[in-house]
Amino acid sequence: MGVEENLPLLSKRNHPRYENTYRLESKNPFLHEPVENIIRTIISARFNRNSRYNASEAPQMVTKLSQKIREKVKELNFERYRLIVLVSICENHGQSGLGMMKCLWDPERDSFASYTFETEYLIVYGVVIGIYYE
């Protein structure tokens, strides 16, 4: 069977047919400033200076916050980017903390935005990573 004979079969399956764009850049690249504002707004809306750490509520709170942040960042329509959203809530006893992440990184296209909210009782850290996806 030739290629011409297969084309009608492919179109009957209702699968979209995409052509290569040969573009290596996004028309709407990941920008950390608006993403950082989203993270700050969502975390600040939930926590205030009197908020206390609650170990039983923290797992559900992390899930809800990360979902809200993801939804708002997706509204920015960053083209060709995969989003990774991480939120951590820790109890604060005056200690310091260090968190690390590793991944393959393209410094020209990949980026991230983060925000840390700290009170006497808790630390909330949110980060959104935009990984360019061809």
C-alpha atoms as a PDB file:
ATOM      1  CA  MET A   1       0.000   0.000   0.000  1.00  0.00           C
ATOM      2  CA  GLY A   2       1.265   3.449  -0.876  1.00  0.00           C
ATOM      3  CA  VAL A   3       1.207   6.524   1.303  1.00  0.00           C
ATOM      4  CA  GLU A   4      -1.716   7.964  -0.675  1.00  0.00           C
ATOM      5  CA  GLU A   5      -3.851   4.934   0.153  1.00  0.00           C
ATOM      6  CA  ASN A   6      -3.229   5.358   3.919  1.00  0.00           C
ATOM      7  CA  LEU A   7      -4.189   9.052   4.050  1.00  0.00           C
ATOM      8  CA  PRO A   8      -7.950   8.500   3.848  1.00  0.00           C
ATOM      9  CA  LEU A   9      -7.706   5.913   6.624  1.00  0.00           C
ATOM     10  CA  LEU A  10      -5.879   8.343   8.884  1.00  0.00           C
ATOM     11  CA  SER A  11      -8.391  11.110   8.298  1.00  0.00           C
ATOM     12  CA  LYS A  12     -11.301   8.753   9.112  1.00  0.00           C
ATOM     13  CA  ARG A  13      -9.878   8.225  12.606  1.00  0.00           C
ATOM     14  CA  ASN A  14     -10.405  11.932  13.416  1.00  0.00           C
ATOM     15  CA  HIS A  15      -6.869  12.350  14.698  1.00  0.00           C
ATOM     16  CA  PRO A  16      -5.477  15.815  14.178  1.00  0.00           C
ATOM     17  CA  ARG A  17      -2.592  15.951  11.768  1.00  0.00           C
ATOM     18  CA  TYR A  18       0.168  18.302  12.731  1.00  0.00           C
ATOM     19  CA  GLU A  19       2.945  19.568  10.565  1.00  0.00           C
ATOM     20  CA  ASN A  20       6.386  20.335  11.923  1.00  0.00           C
ATOM     21  CA  THR A  21       6.777  24.010  12.721  1.00  0.00           C
ATOM     22  CA  TYR A  22      10.572  23.939  12.826  1.00  0.00           C
ATOM     23  CA  ARG A  23      10.441  26.597  15.547  1.00  0.00           C
ATOM     24  CA  LEU A  24      12.824  26.302  18.451  1.00  0.00           C
ATOM     25  CA  GLU A  25      11.432  29.242  20.413  1.00  0.00           C
ATOM     26  CA  SER A  26       8.105  29.681  22.107  1.00  0.00           C
ATOM     27  CA  LYS A  27       5.852  32.533  21.024  1.00  0.00           C
ATOM     28  CA  ASN A  28       4.855  32.944  24.683  1.00  0.00           C
ATOM     29  CA  PRO A  29       7.898  31.991  26.809  1.00  0.00           C
ATOM     30  CA  PHE A  30       7.815  31.296  30.543  1.00  0.00           C
ATOM     31  CA  LEU A  31       8.189  34.542  32.487  1.00  0.00           C
ATOM     32  CA  HIS A  32       9.041  34.321  36.167  1.00  0.00           C
ATOM     33  CA  GLU A  33       7.625  37.723  37.259  1.00  0.00           C
ATOM     34  CA  PRO A  34       3.908  37.023  36.647  1.00  0.00           C
ATOM     35  CA  VAL A  35       4.284  33.473  37.951  1.00  0.00           C
ATOM     36  CA  GLU A  36       5.937  34.713  41.137  1.00  0.00           C
ATOM     37  CA  ASN A  37       3.056  37.154  41.615  1.00  0.00           C
ATOM     38  CA  ILE A  38       0.567  34.300  41.277  1.00  0.00           C
ATOM     39  CA  ILE A  39       2.418  32.193  43.850  1.00  0.00           C
ATOM     40  CA  ARG A  40       2.656  35.155  46.241  1.00  0.00           C
ATOM     41  CA  THR A  41      -1.038  36.028  45.851  1.00  0.00           C
ATOM     42  CA  ILE A  42      -2.314  32.488  46.424  1.00  0.00           C
ATOM     43  CA  ILE A  43      -0.056  31.752  49.400  1.00  0.00           C
ATOM     44  CA  SER A  44      -0.667  35.157  50.998  1.00  0.00           C
ATOM     45  CA  ALA A  45      -4.434  34.740  50.604  1.00  0.00           C
ATOM     46  CA  ARG A  46      -4.339  31.512  52.609  1.00  0.00           C
ATOM     47  CA  PHE A  47      -1.778  32.401  55.300  1.00  0.00           C
ATOM     48  CA  ASN A  48      -1.232  35.458  57.482  1.00  0.00           C
ATOM     49  CA  ARG A  49       1.271  36.411  60.168  1.00  0.00           C
ATOM     50  CA  ASN A  50      -0.746  34.571  62.845  1.00  0.00           C
ATOM     51  CA  SER A  51      -1.088  31.294  60.897  1.00  0.00           C
ATOM     52  CA  ARG A  52       0.134  28.234  62.750  1.00  0.00           C
ATOM     53  CA  TYR A  53       1.439  24.950  61.447  1.00  0.00           C
ATOM     54  CA  ASN A  54      -1.025  22.067  61.595  1.00  0.00           C
ATOM     55  CA  ALA A  55       0.490  18.692  60.705  1.00  0.00           C
ATOM     56  CA  SER A  56      -2.880  17.054  59.999  1.00  0.00           C
ATOM     57  CA  GLU A  57      -3.974  19.781  57.549  1.00  0.00           C
ATOM     58  CA  ALA A  58      -0.619  20.326  55.817  1.00  0.00           C
ATOM     59  CA  PRO A  59      -0.858  17.493  53.226  1.00  0.00           C
ATOM     60  CA  GLN A  60      -4.302  18.584  52.020  1.00  0.00           C
ATOM     61  CA  MET A  61      -3.265  22.236  52.082  1.00  0.00           C
ATOM     62  CA  VAL A  62      -0.188  21.538  49.932  1.00  0.00           C
ATOM     63  CA  THR A  63      -2.356  19.724  47.385  1.00  0.00           C
ATOM     64  CA  LYS A  64      -4.947  22.509  47.230  1.00  0.00           C
ATOM     65  CA  LEU A  65      -2.358  25.271  46.970  1.00  0.00           C
ATOM     66  CA  SER A  66      -0.402  23.524  44.221  1.00  0.00           C
ATOM     67  CA  GLN A  67      -3.608  22.889  42.235  1.00  0.00           C
ATOM     68  CA  LYS A  68      -4.672  26.545  42.520  1.00  0.00           C
ATOM     69  CA  ILE A  69      -1.233  27.752  41.493  1.00  0.00           C
ATOM     70  CA  ARG A  70      -1.145  25.354  38.526  1.00  0.00           C
ATOM     71  CA  GLU A  71      -4.591  26.499  37.337  1.00  0.00           C
ATOM     72  CA  LYS A  72      -3.649  30.183  37.496  1.00  0.00           C
ATOM     73  CA  VAL A  73      -0.289  29.682  35.787  1.00  0.00           C
ATOM     74  CA  LYS A  74      -1.927  27.643  33.003  1.00  0.00           C
ATOM     75  CA  GLU A  75      -4.154  30.664  32.308  1.00  0.00           C
ATOM     76  CA  LEU A  76      -1.000  32.533  31.231  1.00  0.00           C
ATOM     77  CA  ASN A  77      -0.776  30.101  28.271  1.00  0.00           C
ATOM     78  CA  PHE A  78       2.956  29.560  28.169  1.00  0.00           C
ATOM     79  CA  GLU A  79       3.398  27.826  24.844  1.00  0.00           C
ATOM     80  CA  ARG A  80       5.425  24.591  24.767  1.00  0.00           C
ATOM     81  CA  TYR A  81       6.135  24.486  28.504  1.00  0.00           C
ATOM     82  CA  ARG A  82       5.544  21.706  30.988  1.00  0.00           C
ATOM     83  CA  LEU A  83       4.809  22.999  34.447  1.00  0.00           C
ATOM     84  CA  ILE A  84       5.992  21.502  37.709  1.00  0.00           C
ATOM     85  CA  VAL A  85       4.424  22.980  40.833  1.00  0.00           C
ATOM     86  CA  LEU A  86       5.837  22.239  44.275  1.00  0.00           C
ATOM     87  CA  VAL A  87       4.552  23.578  47.579  1.00  0.00           C
ATOM     88  CA  SER A  88       6.066  22.759  50.972  1.00  0.00           C
ATOM     89  CA  ILE A  89       4.753  23.661  54.402  1.00  0.00           C
ATOM     90  CA  CYS A  90       7.123  23.264  57.345  1.00  0.00           C
ATOM     91  CA  GLU A  91       6.875  24.016  61.018  1.00  0.00           C
ATOM     92  CA  ASN A  92       9.174  26.840  62.075  1.00  0.00           C
ATOM     93  CA  HIS A  93      11.090  26.486  65.341  1.00  0.00           C
ATOM     94  CA  GLY A  94      13.758  29.027  64.451  1.00  0.00           C
ATOM     95  CA  GLN A  95      15.773  26.488  62.480  1.00  0.00           C
ATOM     96  CA  SER A  96      17.107  26.940  59.000  1.00  0.00           C
ATOM     97  CA  GLY A  97      16.225  24.690  56.110  1.00  0.00           C
ATOM     98  CA  LEU A  98      17.711  23.781  52.785  1.00  0.00           C
ATOM     99  CA  GLY A  99      15.839  22.299  49.866  1.00  0.00           C
ATOM    100  CA  MET A 100      17.379  21.157  46.621  1.00  0.00           C
ATOM    101  CA  MET A 101      16.150  19.980  43.246  1.00  0.00           C
ATOM    102  CA  LYS A 102      18.042  18.555  40.301  1.00  0.00           C
ATOM    103  CA  CYS A 103      17.088  18.281  36.665  1.00  0.00           C
ATOM    104  CA  LEU A 104      18.529  18.742  33.210  1.00  0.00           C
ATOM    105  CA  TRP A 105      18.275  22.437  32.481  1.00  0.00           C
ATOM    106  CA  ASP A 106      18.400  24.561  29.366  1.00  0.00           C
ATOM    107  CA  PRO A 107      19.351  28.020  30.692  1.00  0.00           C
ATOM    108  CA  GLU A 108      18.045  29.730  27.544  1.00  0.00           C
ATOM    109  CA  ARG A 109      14.520  28.284  27.695  1.00  0.00           C
ATOM    110  CA  ASP A 110      13.828  26.734  31.103  1.00  0.00           C
ATOM    111  CA  SER A 111      12.988  28.916  34.061  1.00  0.00           C
ATOM    112  CA  PHE A 112      11.360  28.939  37.481  1.00  0.00           C
ATOM    113  CA  ALA A 113       9.627  31.241  39.927  1.00  0.00           C
ATOM    114  CA  SER A 114       9.463  30.839  43.690  1.00  0.00           C
ATOM    115  CA  TYR A 115       8.096  32.531  46.764  1.00  0.00           C
ATOM    116  CA  THR A 116       8.712  31.894  50.470  1.00  0.00           C
ATOM    117  CA  PHE A 117       6.256  32.943  53.176  1.00  0.00           C
ATOM    118  CA  GLU A 118       7.649  32.755  56.686  1.00  0.00           C
ATOM    119  CA  THR A 119       6.112  33.430  60.080  1.00  0.00           C
ATOM    120  CA  GLU A 120       7.114  32.636  63.613  1.00  0.00           C
ATOM    121  CA  TYR A 121       5.231  29.337  63.367  1.00  0.00           C
ATOM    122  CA  LEU A 122       5.529  28.093  59.784  1.00  0.00           C
ATOM    123  CA  ILE A 123       7.349  28.346  56.474  1.00  0.00           C
ATOM    124  CA  VAL A 124       5.535  27.963  53.160  1.00  0.00           C
ATOM    125  CA  TYR A 125       7.620  27.566  50.020  1.00  0.00           C
ATOM    126  CA  GLY A 126       6.126  27.489  46.533  1.00  0.00           C
ATOM    127  CA  VAL A 127       7.965  27.001  43.271  1.00  0.00           C
ATOM    128  CA  VAL A 128       6.818  26.671  39.666  1.00  0.00           C
ATOM    129  CA  ILE A 129       9.267  25.255  37.149  1.00  0.00           C
ATOM    130  CA  GLY A 130       8.696  25.808  33.433  1.00  0.00           C
ATOM    131  CA  ILE A 131      10.484  23.214  31.334  1.00  0.00           C
ATOM    132  CA  TYR A 132      10.535  23.888  27.592  1.00  0.00           C
ATOM    133  CA  TYR A 133       8.945  21.022  25.718  1.00  0.00           C
ATOM    134  CA  GLU A 134       9.444  20.747  21.955  1.00  0.00           C
END
